[in-house]
């Protein structure tokens, strides 16, 4: 667990350092106001941009690793899967479910019998 904390802290320091690189030319006034950016200003700024991207990715990765480690140790609760949250457990007894489905099954059976009778009459009419 310490490796994740140390890594996240190091990445956070990298973010702070990169922000400092980006603002240092203006904060220390070695970039004249309103003038085109000098080579040192461009170097500091774009180095800061690259460093902030790498540090942000590292910070996210170490933070996710720390969260997973804490879940594995039981400090944080595990997340429920989307499937478990979407499908609630069936409620009621099997008898209640059967009573609820019987009208549907009866209607389906009646419909299937009517279709068979219609097709039998059509076949009988075609033979004549």
Protein backbone atom coordinates (compact mmCIF):
# COMPACT_ATOMS: atom_id res chain seq x y z
CA UNK A 1 0.00 0.00 0.00
CA UNK A 2 2.90 2.34 0.72
CA UNK A 3 4.04 2.15 -2.90
CA UNK A 4 0.73 3.62 -4.04
CA UNK A 5 0.80 6.44 -1.49
CA UNK A 6 4.42 7.31 -2.28
CA UNK A 7 3.75 7.10 -6.02
CA UNK A 8 0.64 9.30 -5.80
CA UNK A 9 2.54 11.81 -3.66
CA UNK A 10 5.42 11.87 -6.16
CA UNK A 11 3.02 12.36 -9.04
CA UNK A 12 1.31 15.18 -7.16
CA UNK A 13 4.69 16.85 -6.64
CA UNK A 14 5.26 16.45 -10.38
CA UNK A 15 1.99 18.27 -11.06
CA UNK A 16 3.02 21.13 -8.77
CA UNK A 17 6.47 21.34 -10.39
CA UNK A 18 4.98 21.40 -13.86
CA UNK A 19 2.57 24.17 -12.93
CA UNK A 20 5.51 26.14 -11.55
CA UNK A 21 7.42 25.62 -14.81
CA UNK A 22 4.48 26.97 -16.76
CA UNK A 23 4.02 30.12 -14.66
CA UNK A 24 7.65 30.84 -13.63
CA UNK A 25 8.49 33.03 -16.66
CA UNK A 26 5.63 35.33 -15.76
CA UNK A 27 5.95 35.12 -11.96
CA UNK A 28 9.69 35.85 -12.01
CA UNK A 29 9.27 38.48 -14.76
CA UNK A 30 11.93 37.16 -17.13
CA UNK A 31 9.28 37.21 -19.85
CA UNK A 32 8.51 40.84 -20.75
CA UNK A 33 4.82 41.63 -20.63
CA UNK A 34 3.20 41.90 -24.06
CA UNK A 35 6.33 40.72 -25.93
CA UNK A 36 6.65 37.56 -27.96
CA UNK A 37 7.62 34.57 -25.87
CA UNK A 38 11.34 34.09 -25.61
CA UNK A 39 13.05 30.73 -26.06
CA UNK A 40 13.40 30.11 -22.29
CA UNK A 41 9.70 30.88 -21.81
CA UNK A 42 8.70 28.47 -24.59
CA UNK A 43 10.97 25.79 -23.18
CA UNK A 44 9.65 26.18 -19.64
CA UNK A 45 6.01 26.29 -20.74
CA UNK A 46 6.04 23.26 -23.06
CA UNK A 47 8.18 21.24 -20.65
CA UNK A 48 5.59 22.03 -17.98
CA UNK A 49 2.76 20.91 -20.28
CA UNK A 50 4.46 17.58 -21.00
CA UNK A 51 5.31 17.05 -17.33
CA UNK A 52 1.79 17.86 -16.18
CA UNK A 53 0.36 15.27 -18.60
CA UNK A 54 2.73 12.55 -17.41
CA UNK A 55 2.21 13.47 -13.76
CA UNK A 56 -1.58 13.54 -14.10
CA UNK A 57 -1.59 10.07 -15.69
CA UNK A 58 0.67 8.80 -12.90
CA UNK A 59 -1.51 10.39 -10.23
CA UNK A 60 -4.64 8.76 -11.63
CA UNK A 61 -2.93 5.37 -11.99
CA UNK A 62 -1.50 5.38 -8.46
CA UNK A 63 -4.80 6.60 -7.01
CA UNK A 64 -6.74 3.81 -8.75
CA UNK A 65 -4.18 1.29 -7.53
CA UNK A 66 -4.55 2.59 -3.99
CA UNK A 67 -8.34 2.34 -4.14
CA UNK A 68 -8.12 -1.23 -5.41
CA UNK A 69 -5.64 -2.14 -2.68
CA UNK A 70 -7.96 -0.68 -0.05
CA UNK A 71 -10.87 -2.68 -1.48
CA UNK A 72 -8.79 -5.86 -1.41
CA UNK A 73 -7.96 -5.26 2.25
CA UNK A 74 -11.60 -4.62 3.12
CA UNK A 75 -11.13 -0.96 4.07
CA UNK A 76 -13.39 0.21 1.25
CA UNK A 77 -16.52 -1.70 0.22
CA UNK A 78 -16.53 -3.43 -3.16
CA UNK A 79 -18.65 -1.89 -5.85
CA UNK A 80 -21.64 -3.88 -7.04
CA UNK A 81 -21.56 -4.81 -10.69
CA UNK A 82 -23.97 -3.05 -13.03
CA UNK A 83 -25.67 -6.38 -13.68
CA UNK A 84 -26.31 -6.97 -9.98
CA UNK A 85 -27.75 -3.47 -9.57
CA UNK A 86 -29.92 -3.68 -12.71
CA UNK A 87 -31.53 -7.04 -11.97
CA UNK A 88 -33.30 -7.00 -8.63
CA UNK A 89 -33.78 -10.31 -6.88
CA UNK A 90 -37.14 -11.93 -7.62
CA UNK A 91 -39.64 -11.31 -4.87
CA UNK A 92 -42.50 -13.44 -3.72
CA UNK A 93 -42.99 -17.16 -3.61
CA UNK A 94 -43.01 -19.45 -6.65
CA UNK A 95 -46.78 -19.85 -6.24
CA UNK A 96 -47.27 -16.11 -6.66
CA UNK A 97 -45.16 -16.12 -9.79
CA UNK A 98 -47.10 -19.06 -11.19
CA UNK A 99 -50.42 -17.33 -10.49
CA UNK A 100 -49.17 -14.18 -12.21
CA UNK A 101 -48.01 -16.06 -15.31
CA UNK A 102 -51.01 -18.40 -15.75
CA UNK A 103 -53.24 -15.87 -17.58
CA UNK A 104 -50.37 -15.10 -19.96
CA UNK A 105 -49.70 -18.77 -20.64
CA UNK A 106 -53.43 -19.42 -21.17
CA UNK A 107 -53.67 -16.58 -23.68
CA UNK A 108 -50.58 -17.81 -25.53
CA UNK A 109 -51.96 -21.37 -25.69
CA UNK A 110 -55.32 -20.14 -26.98
CA UNK A 111 -53.59 -18.03 -29.65
CA UNK A 112 -51.44 -20.99 -30.77
CA UNK A 113 -54.53 -23.24 -31.05
CA UNK A 114 -56.36 -20.60 -33.12
CA UNK A 115 -53.37 -20.33 -35.47
CA UNK A 116 -53.25 -24.12 -35.88
CA UNK A 117 -57.00 -24.21 -36.61
CA UNK A 118 -56.67 -21.43 -39.20
CA UNK A 119 -53.75 -23.13 -40.93
CA UNK A 120 -55.63 -26.47 -40.92
CA UNK A 121 -58.70 -24.80 -42.51
CA UNK A 122 -56.52 -23.12 -45.12
CA UNK A 123 -54.84 -26.42 -46.01
CA UNK A 124 -58.23 -28.10 -46.21
CA UNK A 125 -59.51 -25.33 -48.51
CA UNK A 126 -56.44 -25.62 -50.75
CA UNK A 127 -56.98 -29.38 -51.25
CA UNK A 128 -60.49 -28.94 -52.64
